[in-house]
Amino acid sequence: MQAVRDVGPGGHYLGHPHTLENFERAFFMPKLFDNNSIEQWQAEGSVEITQRALDRAKQLLSDYEEPKLDEGVDEALRDYIARREREIPAVDELNTEY
């Protein structure tokens, strides 16, 4: 509210200290968006957002490292899964009356 009082009617906030301190955190700009001019975008290869997203997804997958799981925890989880698979009826046994 102090910025509103400081700027007053007809003024602008671009040079106000509050704006300068907060503008980078106030707006969300997705990392894959290209905020360049159309000329700059074309000069850099005209890469569409879908291609940038696909490239990023491929990079994330190639960089993935499976987290290490304690051997005892892994065994307990596998035992639980096996037990539940025995207890839960198979899909082809469900809804046989319909």
PDB file of N, CA and C in Angstrom:
ATOM      1  N   MET A   1       0.825  -1.194   0.000  1.00  0.00           N
ATOM      2  CA  MET A   1       0.000   0.000   0.000  1.00  0.00           C
ATOM      3  C   MET A   1       0.870   1.259   0.000  1.00  0.00           C
ATOM      4  N   GLN A   2       2.043   1.154   0.580  1.00  0.00           N
ATOM      5  CA  GLN A   2       2.912   2.328   0.614  1.00  0.00           C
ATOM      6  C   GLN A   2       3.313   2.735  -0.800  1.00  0.00           C
ATOM      7  N   ALA A   3       3.535   1.734  -1.668  1.00  0.00           N
ATOM      8  CA  ALA A   3       3.890   2.047  -3.054  1.00  0.00           C
ATOM      9  C   ALA A   3       2.764   2.802  -3.742  1.00  0.00           C
ATOM     10  N   VAL A   4       1.529   2.439  -3.471  1.00  0.00           N
ATOM     11  CA  VAL A   4       0.382   3.134  -4.065  1.00  0.00           C
ATOM     12  C   VAL A   4       0.362   4.586  -3.597  1.00  0.00           C
ATOM     13  N   ARG A   5       0.611   4.792  -2.319  1.00  0.00           N
ATOM     14  CA  ARG A   5       0.627   6.165  -1.798  1.00  0.00           C
ATOM     15  C   ARG A   5       1.804   6.953  -2.389  1.00  0.00           C
ATOM     16  N   ASP A   6       2.953   6.280  -2.515  1.00  0.00           N
ATOM     17  CA  ASP A   6       4.136   6.960  -3.059  1.00  0.00           C
ATOM     18  C   ASP A   6       3.948   7.380  -4.507  1.00  0.00           C
ATOM     19  N   VAL A   7       3.382   6.493  -5.312  1.00  0.00           N
ATOM     20  CA  VAL A   7       3.248   6.750  -6.749  1.00  0.00           C
ATOM     21  C   VAL A   7       2.138   7.740  -7.023  1.00  0.00           C
ATOM     22  N   GLY A   8       0.998   7.571  -6.379  1.00  0.00           N
ATOM     23  CA  GLY A   8      -0.122   8.484  -6.564  1.00  0.00           C
ATOM     24  C   GLY A   8      -0.810   8.327  -7.913  1.00  0.00           C
ATOM     25  N   PRO A   9      -1.894   9.068  -8.121  1.00  0.00           N
ATOM     26  CA  PRO A   9      -2.673   8.970  -9.354  1.00  0.00           C
ATOM     27  C   PRO A   9      -1.844   9.345 -10.577  1.00  0.00           C
ATOM     28  N   GLY A  10      -1.961   8.558 -11.612  1.00  0.00           N
ATOM     29  CA  GLY A  10      -1.308   8.843 -12.881  1.00  0.00           C
ATOM     30  C   GLY A  10       0.155   8.466 -12.930  1.00  0.00           C
ATOM     31  N   GLY A  11       0.698   7.986 -11.835  1.00  0.00           N
ATOM     32  CA  GLY A  11       2.107   7.611 -11.822  1.00  0.00           C
ATOM     33  C   GLY A  11       2.305   6.169 -12.284  1.00  0.00           C
ATOM     34  N   HIS A  12       3.554   5.744 -12.281  1.00  0.00           N
ATOM     35  CA  HIS A  12       3.818   4.344 -12.645  1.00  0.00           C
ATOM     36  C   HIS A  12       4.738   3.734 -11.594  1.00  0.00           C
ATOM     37  N   TYR A  13       4.720   2.416 -11.537  1.00  0.00           N
ATOM     38  CA  TYR A  13       5.415   1.686 -10.490  1.00  0.00           C
ATOM     39  C   TYR A  13       6.762   1.114 -10.936  1.00  0.00           C
ATOM     40  N   LEU A  14       7.109   1.255 -12.194  1.00  0.00           N
ATOM     41  CA  LEU A  14       8.298   0.585 -12.710  1.00  0.00           C
ATOM     42  C   LEU A  14       9.580   1.009 -12.012  1.00  0.00           C
ATOM     43  N   GLY A  15       9.678   2.260 -11.615  1.00  0.00           N
ATOM     44  CA  GLY A  15      10.888   2.719 -10.964  1.00  0.00           C
ATOM     45  C   GLY A  15      10.806   2.749  -9.449  1.00  0.00           C
ATOM     46  N   HIS A  16       9.682   2.333  -8.910  1.00  0.00           N
ATOM     47  CA  HIS A  16       9.506   2.365  -7.462  1.00  0.00           C
ATOM     48  C   HIS A  16      10.343   1.253  -6.807  1.00  0.00           C
ATOM     49  N   PRO A  17      10.980   1.523  -5.683  1.00  0.00           N
ATOM     50  CA  PRO A  17      11.805   0.509  -5.012  1.00  0.00           C
ATOM     51  C   PRO A  17      11.069  -0.795  -4.733  1.00  0.00           C
ATOM     52  N   HIS A  18       9.787  -0.722  -4.403  1.00  0.00           N
ATOM     53  CA  HIS A  18       9.017  -1.942  -4.145  1.00  0.00           C
ATOM     54  C   HIS A  18       8.962  -2.822  -5.383  1.00  0.00           C
ATOM     55  N   THR A  19       8.741  -2.205  -6.538  1.00  0.00           N
ATOM     56  CA  THR A  19       8.696  -2.952  -7.799  1.00  0.00           C
ATOM     57  C   THR A  19      10.062  -3.567  -8.085  1.00  0.00           C
ATOM     58  N   LEU A  20      11.093  -2.788  -7.944  1.00  0.00           N
ATOM     59  CA  LEU A  20      12.445  -3.272  -8.233  1.00  0.00           C
ATOM     60  C   LEU A  20      12.834  -4.425  -7.318  1.00  0.00           C
ATOM     61  N   GLU A  21      12.390  -4.401  -6.078  1.00  0.00           N
ATOM     62  CA  GLU A  21      12.715  -5.458  -5.129  1.00  0.00           C
ATOM     63  C   GLU A  21      11.916  -6.738  -5.371  1.00  0.00           C
ATOM     64  N   ASN A  22      10.715  -6.631  -5.965  1.00  0.00           N
ATOM     65  CA  ASN A  22       9.798  -7.770  -6.006  1.00  0.00           C
ATOM     66  C   ASN A  22       9.424  -8.291  -7.386  1.00  0.00           C
ATOM     67  N   PHE A  23       9.745  -7.592  -8.467  1.00  0.00           N
ATOM     68  CA  PHE A  23       9.202  -7.990  -9.763  1.00  0.00           C
ATOM     69  C   PHE A  23       9.675  -9.368 -10.215  1.00  0.00           C
ATOM     70  N   GLU A  24      10.896  -9.775  -9.855  1.00  0.00           N
ATOM     71  CA  GLU A  24      11.391 -11.079 -10.309  1.00  0.00           C
ATOM     72  C   GLU A  24      10.670 -12.236  -9.629  1.00  0.00           C
ATOM     73  N   ARG A  25      10.159 -11.999  -8.426  1.00  0.00           N
ATOM     74  CA  ARG A  25       9.440 -13.054  -7.707  1.00  0.00           C
ATOM     75  C   ARG A  25       7.937 -12.980  -7.926  1.00  0.00           C
ATOM     76  N   ALA A  26       7.446 -11.882  -8.447  1.00  0.00           N
ATOM     77  CA  ALA A  26       6.007 -11.670  -8.551  1.00  0.00           C
ATOM     78  C   ALA A  26       5.383 -12.389  -9.738  1.00  0.00           C
ATOM     79  N   PHE A  27       6.173 -12.727 -10.732  1.00  0.00           N
ATOM     80  CA  PHE A  27       5.627 -13.338 -11.936  1.00  0.00           C
ATOM     81  C   PHE A  27       6.307 -14.670 -12.196  1.00  0.00           C
ATOM     82  N   PHE A  28       5.522 -15.631 -12.627  1.00  0.00           N
ATOM     83  CA  PHE A  28       6.058 -16.950 -12.950  1.00  0.00           C
ATOM     84  C   PHE A  28       6.318 -17.016 -14.445  1.00  0.00           C
ATOM     85  N   MET A  29       7.526 -17.356 -14.827  1.00  0.00           N
ATOM     86  CA  MET A  29       7.875 -17.507 -16.240  1.00  0.00           C
ATOM     87  C   MET A  29       8.421 -18.921 -16.420  1.00  0.00           C
ATOM     88  N   PRO A  30       7.639 -19.812 -17.023  1.00  0.00           N
ATOM     89  CA  PRO A  30       8.118 -21.173 -17.224  1.00  0.00           C
ATOM     90  C   PRO A  30       9.451 -21.194 -17.965  1.00  0.00           C
ATOM     91  N   LYS A  31      10.328 -22.086 -17.549  1.00  0.00           N
ATOM     92  CA  LYS A  31      11.673 -22.140 -18.113  1.00  0.00           C
ATOM     93  C   LYS A  31      11.685 -22.503 -19.589  1.00  0.00           C
ATOM     94  N   LEU A  32      10.678 -23.206 -20.065  1.00  0.00           N
ATOM     95  CA  LEU A  32      10.656 -23.623 -21.462  1.00  0.00           C
ATOM     96  C   LEU A  32      10.092 -22.552 -22.395  1.00  0.00           C
ATOM     97  N   PHE A  33       9.470 -21.532 -21.843  1.00  0.00           N
ATOM     98  CA  PHE A  33       8.942 -20.459 -22.680  1.00  0.00           C
ATOM     99  C   PHE A  33      10.093 -19.680 -23.295  1.00  0.00           C
ATOM    100  N   ASP A  34       9.869 -19.175 -24.485  1.00  0.00           N
ATOM    101  CA  ASP A  34      10.851 -18.345 -25.166  1.00  0.00           C
ATOM    102  C   ASP A  34      10.281 -16.930 -25.216  1.00  0.00           C
ATOM    103  N   ASN A  35      10.907 -16.045 -24.492  1.00  0.00           N
ATOM    104  CA  ASN A  35      10.405 -14.681 -24.387  1.00  0.00           C
ATOM    105  C   ASN A  35      11.117 -13.729 -25.338  1.00  0.00           C
ATOM    106  N   ASN A  36      11.880 -14.278 -26.268  1.00  0.00           N
ATOM    107  CA  ASN A  36      12.602 -13.450 -27.239  1.00  0.00           C
ATOM    108  C   ASN A  36      11.658 -12.910 -28.299  1.00  0.00           C
ATOM    109  N   SER A  37      12.150 -11.968 -29.064  1.00  0.00           N
ATOM    110  CA  SER A  37      11.386 -11.457 -30.195  1.00  0.00           C
ATOM    111  C   SER A  37      11.263 -12.568 -31.245  1.00  0.00           C
ATOM    112  N   ILE A  38      10.336 -12.409 -32.172  1.00  0.00           N
ATOM    113  CA  ILE A  38      10.151 -13.404 -33.233  1.00  0.00           C
ATOM    114  C   ILE A  38      11.422 -13.522 -34.068  1.00  0.00           C
ATOM    115  N   GLU A  39      12.108 -12.398 -34.271  1.00  0.00           N
ATOM    116  CA  GLU A  39      13.339 -12.418 -35.063  1.00  0.00           C
ATOM    117  C   GLU A  39      14.437 -13.227 -34.353  1.00  0.00           C
ATOM    118  N   GLN A  40      14.559 -13.030 -33.050  1.00  0.00           N
ATOM    119  CA  GLN A  40      15.562 -13.781 -32.275  1.00  0.00           C
ATOM    120  C   GLN A  40      15.200 -15.268 -32.251  1.00  0.00           C
ATOM    121  N   TRP A  41      13.909 -15.567 -32.063  1.00  0.00           N
ATOM    122  CA  TRP A  41      13.432 -16.953 -32.048  1.00  0.00           C
ATOM    123  C   TRP A  41      13.765 -17.634 -33.376  1.00  0.00           C
ATOM    124  N   GLN A  42      13.530 -16.939 -34.487  1.00  0.00           N
ATOM    125  CA  GLN A  42      13.842 -17.499 -35.798  1.00  0.00           C
ATOM    126  C   GLN A  42      15.345 -17.682 -35.974  1.00  0.00           C
ATOM    127  N   ALA A  43      16.124 -16.722 -35.517  1.00  0.00           N
ATOM    128  CA  ALA A  43      17.581 -16.812 -35.638  1.00  0.00           C
ATOM    129  C   ALA A  43      18.135 -17.995 -34.840  1.00  0.00           C
ATOM    130  N   GLU A  44      17.450 -18.363 -33.775  1.00  0.00           N
ATOM    131  CA  GLU A  44      17.890 -19.473 -32.937  1.00  0.00           C
ATOM    132  C   GLU A  44      17.281 -20.806 -33.359  1.00  0.00           C
ATOM    133  N   GLY A  45      16.639 -20.836 -34.534  1.00  0.00           N
ATOM    134  CA  GLY A  45      16.153 -22.105 -35.074  1.00  0.00           C
ATOM    135  C   GLY A  45      14.659 -22.325 -35.041  1.00  0.00           C
ATOM    136  N   SER A  46      13.879 -21.363 -34.570  1.00  0.00           N
ATOM    137  CA  SER A  46      12.410 -21.468 -34.543  1.00  0.00           C
ATOM    138  C   SER A  46      11.931 -22.725 -33.821  1.00  0.00           C
ATOM    139  N   VAL A  47      12.529 -23.016 -32.686  1.00  0.00           N
ATOM    140  CA  VAL A  47      12.167 -24.234 -31.955  1.00  0.00           C
ATOM    141  C   VAL A  47      10.853 -24.012 -31.215  1.00  0.00           C
ATOM    142  N   GLU A  48       9.848 -24.822 -31.551  1.00  0.00           N
ATOM    143  CA  GLU A  48       8.520 -24.716 -30.936  1.00  0.00           C
ATOM    144  C   GLU A  48       8.553 -25.207 -29.499  1.00  0.00           C
ATOM    145  N   ILE A  49       7.590 -24.769 -28.702  1.00  0.00           N
ATOM    146  CA  ILE A  49       7.508 -25.162 -27.294  1.00  0.00           C
ATOM    147  C   ILE A  49       7.370 -26.677 -27.144  1.00  0.00           C
ATOM    148  N   THR A  50       6.646 -27.310 -28.057  1.00  0.00           N
ATOM    149  CA  THR A  50       6.483 -28.766 -27.956  1.00  0.00           C
ATOM    150  C   THR A  50       7.815 -29.477 -28.137  1.00  0.00           C
ATOM    151  N   GLN A  51       8.653 -28.979 -29.021  1.00  0.00           N
ATOM    152  CA  GLN A  51       9.966 -29.590 -29.224  1.00  0.00           C
ATOM    153  C   GLN A  51      10.866 -29.329 -28.022  1.00  0.00           C
ATOM    154  N   ARG A  52      10.806 -28.110 -27.472  1.00  0.00           N
ATOM    155  CA  ARG A  52      11.607 -27.821 -26.280  1.00  0.00           C
ATOM    156  C   ARG A  52      11.182 -28.715 -25.121  1.00  0.00           C
ATOM    157  N   ALA A  53       9.869 -28.939 -24.987  1.00  0.00           N
ATOM    158  CA  ALA A  53       9.363 -29.804 -23.917  1.00  0.00           C
ATOM    159  C   ALA A  53       9.814 -31.244 -24.130  1.00  0.00           C
ATOM    160  N   LEU A  54       9.743 -31.728 -25.348  1.00  0.00           N
ATOM    161  CA  LEU A  54      10.189 -33.090 -25.646  1.00  0.00           C
ATOM    162  C   LEU A  54      11.682 -33.243 -25.379  1.00  0.00           C
ATOM    163  N   ASP A  55      12.473 -32.271 -25.795  1.00  0.00           N
ATOM    164  CA  ASP A  55      13.913 -32.309 -25.534  1.00  0.00           C
ATOM    165  C   ASP A  55      14.192 -32.328 -24.036  1.00  0.00           C
ATOM    166  N   ARG A  56      13.466 -31.506 -23.286  1.00  0.00           N
ATOM    167  CA  ARG A  56      13.660 -31.457 -21.830  1.00  0.00           C
ATOM    168  C   ARG A  56      13.272 -32.786 -21.182  1.00  0.00           C
ATOM    169  N   ALA A  57      12.159 -33.378 -21.628  1.00  0.00           N
ATOM    170  CA  ALA A  57      11.732 -34.667 -21.080  1.00  0.00           C
ATOM    171  C   ALA A  57      12.778 -35.741 -21.366  1.00  0.00           C
ATOM    172  N   LYS A  58      13.310 -35.753 -22.578  1.00  0.00           N
ATOM    173  CA  LYS A  58      14.349 -36.727 -22.919  1.00  0.00           C
ATOM    174  C   LYS A  58      15.595 -36.523 -22.060  1.00  0.00           C
ATOM    175  N   GLN A  59      15.947 -35.268 -21.814  1.00  0.00           N
ATOM    176  CA  GLN A  59      17.110 -34.970 -20.980  1.00  0.00           C
ATOM    177  C   GLN A  59      16.893 -35.450 -19.548  1.00  0.00           C
ATOM    178  N   LEU A  60      15.700 -35.194 -19.013  1.00  0.00           N
ATOM    179  CA  LEU A  60      15.392 -35.646 -17.661  1.00  0.00           C
ATOM    180  C   LEU A  60      15.473 -37.166 -17.554  1.00  0.00           C
ATOM    181  N   LEU A  61      14.948 -37.854 -18.558  1.00  0.00           N
ATOM    182  CA  LEU A  61      14.990 -39.317 -18.544  1.00  0.00           C
ATOM    183  C   LEU A  61      16.414 -39.845 -18.657  1.00  0.00           C
ATOM    184  N   SER A  62      17.228 -39.208 -19.481  1.00  0.00           N
ATOM    185  CA  SER A  62      18.598 -39.689 -19.643  1.00  0.00           C
ATOM    186  C   SER A  62      19.449 -39.388 -18.405  1.00  0.00           C
ATOM    187  N   ASP A  63      19.097 -38.338 -17.664  1.00  0.00           N
ATOM    188  CA  ASP A  63      19.844 -37.977 -16.457  1.00  0.00           C
ATOM    189  C   ASP A  63      19.362 -38.716 -15.208  1.00  0.00           C
ATOM    190  N   TYR A  64      18.249 -39.440 -15.316  1.00  0.00           N
ATOM    191  CA  TYR A  64      17.649 -40.077 -14.146  1.00  0.00           C
ATOM    192  C   TYR A  64      18.574 -41.129 -13.549  1.00  0.00           C
ATOM    193  N   GLU A  65      18.681 -41.073 -12.240  1.00  0.00           N
ATOM    194  CA  GLU A  65      19.415 -42.094 -11.508  1.00  0.00           C
ATOM    195  C   GLU A  65      18.454 -42.701 -10.500  1.00  0.00           C
ATOM    196  N   GLU A  66      18.283 -44.012 -10.594  1.00  0.00           N
ATOM    197  CA  GLU A  66      17.369 -44.686  -9.676  1.00  0.00           C
ATOM    198  C   GLU A  66      17.876 -44.536  -8.250  1.00  0.00           C
ATOM    199  N   PRO A  67      17.006 -44.093  -7.353  1.00  0.00           N
ATOM    200  CA  PRO A  67      17.458 -43.943  -5.967  1.00  0.00           C
ATOM    201  C   PRO A  67      17.739 -45.308  -5.349  1.00  0.00           C
ATOM    202  N   LYS A  68      18.723 -45.335  -4.481  1.00  0.00           N
ATOM    203  CA  LYS A  68      19.072 -46.575  -3.802  1.00  0.00           C
ATOM    204  C   LYS A  68      18.067 -46.822  -2.683  1.00  0.00           C
ATOM    205  N   LEU A  69      17.580 -48.060  -2.625  1.00  0.00           N
ATOM    206  CA  LEU A  69      16.610 -48.451  -1.618  1.00  0.00           C
ATOM    207  C   LEU A  69      17.259 -49.479  -0.709  1.00  0.00           C
ATOM    208  N   ASP A  70      17.084 -49.290   0.576  1.00  0.00           N
ATOM    209  CA  ASP A  70      17.613 -50.243   1.534  1.00  0.00           C
ATOM    210  C   ASP A  70      17.134 -51.651   1.160  1.00  0.00           C
ATOM    211  N   GLU A  71      18.031 -52.615   1.193  1.00  0.00           N
ATOM    212  CA  GLU A  71      17.713 -53.977   0.760  1.00  0.00           C
ATOM    213  C   GLU A  71      16.573 -54.577   1.573  1.00  0.00           C
ATOM    214  N   GLY A  72      16.536 -54.329   2.854  1.00  0.00           N
ATOM    215  CA  GLY A  72      15.461 -54.843   3.704  1.00  0.00           C
ATOM    216  C   GLY A  72      14.114 -54.239   3.351  1.00  0.00           C
ATOM    217  N   VAL A  73      14.104 -52.940   3.081  1.00  0.00           N
ATOM    218  CA  VAL A  73      12.864 -52.249   2.691  1.00  0.00           C
ATOM    219  C   VAL A  73      12.388 -52.784   1.347  1.00  0.00           C
ATOM    220  N   ASP A  74      13.323 -52.968   0.406  1.00  0.00           N
ATOM    221  CA  ASP A  74      12.977 -53.498  -0.911  1.00  0.00           C
ATOM    222  C   ASP A  74      12.347 -54.884  -0.780  1.00  0.00           C
ATOM    223  N   GLU A  75      12.940 -55.716   0.020  1.00  0.00           N
ATOM    224  CA  GLU A  75      12.411 -57.080   0.206  1.00  0.00           C
ATOM    225  C   GLU A  75      11.027 -57.045   0.843  1.00  0.00           C
ATOM    226  N   ALA A  76      10.837 -56.184   1.847  1.00  0.00           N
ATOM    227  CA  ALA A  76       9.539 -56.071   2.504  1.00  0.00           C
ATOM    228  C   ALA A  76       8.473 -55.582   1.523  1.00  0.00           C
ATOM    229  N   LEU A  77       8.818 -54.629   0.679  1.00  0.00           N
ATOM    230  CA  LEU A  77       7.861 -54.130  -0.320  1.00  0.00           C
ATOM    231  C   LEU A  77       7.506 -55.211  -1.342  1.00  0.00           C
ATOM    232  N   ARG A  78       8.504 -55.947  -1.794  1.00  0.00           N
ATOM    233  CA  ARG A  78       8.240 -57.021  -2.762  1.00  0.00           C
ATOM    234  C   ARG A  78       7.374 -58.113  -2.148  1.00  0.00           C
ATOM    235  N   ASP A  79       7.600 -58.441  -0.878  1.00  0.00           N
ATOM    236  CA  ASP A  79       6.758 -59.421  -0.184  1.00  0.00           C
ATOM    237  C   ASP A  79       5.321 -58.921  -0.090  1.00  0.00           C
ATOM    238  N   TYR A  80       5.168 -57.644   0.240  1.00  0.00           N
ATOM    239  CA  TYR A  80       3.833 -57.049   0.340  1.00  0.00           C
ATOM    240  C   TYR A  80       3.115 -57.106  -1.009  1.00  0.00           C
ATOM    241  N   ILE A  81       3.808 -56.745  -2.066  1.00  0.00           N
ATOM    242  CA  ILE A  81       3.207 -56.762  -3.410  1.00  0.00           C
ATOM    243  C   ILE A  81       2.792 -58.184  -3.777  1.00  0.00           C
ATOM    244  N   ALA A  82       3.645 -59.142  -3.530  1.00  0.00           N
ATOM    245  CA  ALA A  82       3.329 -60.541  -3.858  1.00  0.00           C
ATOM    246  C   ALA A  82       2.113 -61.009  -3.065  1.00  0.00           C
ATOM    247  N   ARG A  83       2.055 -60.678  -1.785  1.00  0.00           N
ATOM    248  CA  ARG A  83       0.910 -61.075  -0.960  1.00  0.00           C
ATOM    249  C   ARG A  83      -0.376 -60.442  -1.469  1.00  0.00           C
ATOM    250  N   ARG A  84      -0.330 -59.153  -1.799  1.00  0.00           N
ATOM    251  CA  ARG A  84      -1.540 -58.472  -2.288  1.00  0.00           C
ATOM    252  C   ARG A  84      -1.973 -59.016  -3.648  1.00  0.00           C
ATOM    253  N   GLU A  85      -1.022 -59.390  -4.488  1.00  0.00           N
ATOM    254  CA  GLU A  85      -1.382 -59.988  -5.780  1.00  0.00           C
ATOM    255  C   GLU A  85      -2.091 -61.320  -5.584  1.00  0.00           C
ATOM    256  N   ARG A  86      -1.742 -62.058  -4.541  1.00  0.00           N
ATOM    257  CA  ARG A  86      -2.427 -63.322  -4.247  1.00  0.00           C
ATOM    258  C   ARG A  86      -3.813 -63.061  -3.669  1.00  0.00           C
ATOM    259  N   GLU A  87      -3.961 -62.010  -2.884  1.00  0.00           N
ATOM    260  CA  GLU A  87      -5.221 -61.716  -2.204  1.00  0.00           C
ATOM    261  C   GLU A  87      -6.254 -61.044  -3.102  1.00  0.00           C
ATOM    262  N   ILE A  88      -5.807 -60.234  -4.031  1.00  0.00           N
ATOM    263  CA  ILE A  88      -6.720 -59.481  -4.900  1.00  0.00           C
ATOM    264  C   ILE A  88      -7.034 -60.343  -6.118  1.00  0.00           C
ATOM    265  N   PRO A  89      -8.325 -60.522  -6.454  1.00  0.00           N
ATOM    266  CA  PRO A  89      -8.667 -61.364  -7.604  1.00  0.00           C
ATOM    267  C   PRO A  89      -8.151 -60.780  -8.919  1.00  0.00           C
ATOM    268  N   ALA A  90      -7.865 -61.656  -9.836  1.00  0.00           N
ATOM    269  CA  ALA A  90      -7.395 -61.234 -11.157  1.00  0.00           C
ATOM    270  C   ALA A  90      -8.483 -60.453 -11.867  1.00  0.00           C
ATOM    271  N   VAL A  91      -8.090 -59.609 -12.792  1.00  0.00           N
ATOM    272  CA  VAL A  91      -9.036 -58.756 -13.518  1.00  0.00           C
ATOM    273  C   VAL A  91     -10.099 -59.590 -14.222  1.00  0.00           C
ATOM    274  N   ASP A  92      -9.715 -60.714 -14.822  1.00  0.00           N
ATOM    275  CA  ASP A  92     -10.698 -61.501 -15.554  1.00  0.00           C
ATOM    276  C   ASP A  92     -11.687 -62.204 -14.650  1.00  0.00           C
ATOM    277  N   GLU A  93     -11.430 -62.219 -13.346  1.00  0.00           N
ATOM    278  CA  GLU A  93     -12.367 -62.808 -12.401  1.00  0.00           C
ATOM    279  C   GLU A  93     -13.347 -61.774 -11.860  1.00  0.00           C
ATOM    280  N   LEU A  94     -13.083 -60.517 -12.096  1.00  0.00           N
ATOM    281  CA  LEU A  94     -13.960 -59.447 -11.603  1.00  0.00           C
ATOM    282  C   LEU A  94     -15.110 -59.208 -12.556  1.00  0.00           C
ATOM    283  N   ASN A  95     -16.247 -58.807 -12.026  1.00  0.00           N
ATOM    284  CA  ASN A  95     -17.412 -58.415 -12.821  1.00  0.00           C
ATOM    285  C   ASN A  95     -17.813 -59.461 -13.854  1.00  0.00           C
ATOM    286  N   THR A  96     -17.735 -60.731 -13.500  1.00  0.00           N
ATOM    287  CA  THR A  96     -18.093 -61.778 -14.460  1.00  0.00           C
ATOM    288  C   THR A  96     -19.588 -61.844 -14.717  1.00  0.00           C
ATOM    289  N   GLU A  97     -20.393 -61.265 -13.831  1.00  0.00           N
ATOM    290  CA  GLU A  97     -21.849 -61.316 -14.039  1.00  0.00           C
ATOM    291  C   GLU A  97     -22.328 -60.281 -15.037  1.00  0.00           C
ATOM    292  N   TYR A  98     -21.492 -59.395 -15.485  1.00  0.00           N
ATOM    293  CA  TYR A  98     -21.929 -58.366 -16.451  1.00  0.00           C
ATOM    294  C   TYR A  98     -21.340 -58.644 -17.775  1.00  0.00           C
TER     295      TYR A  98
END
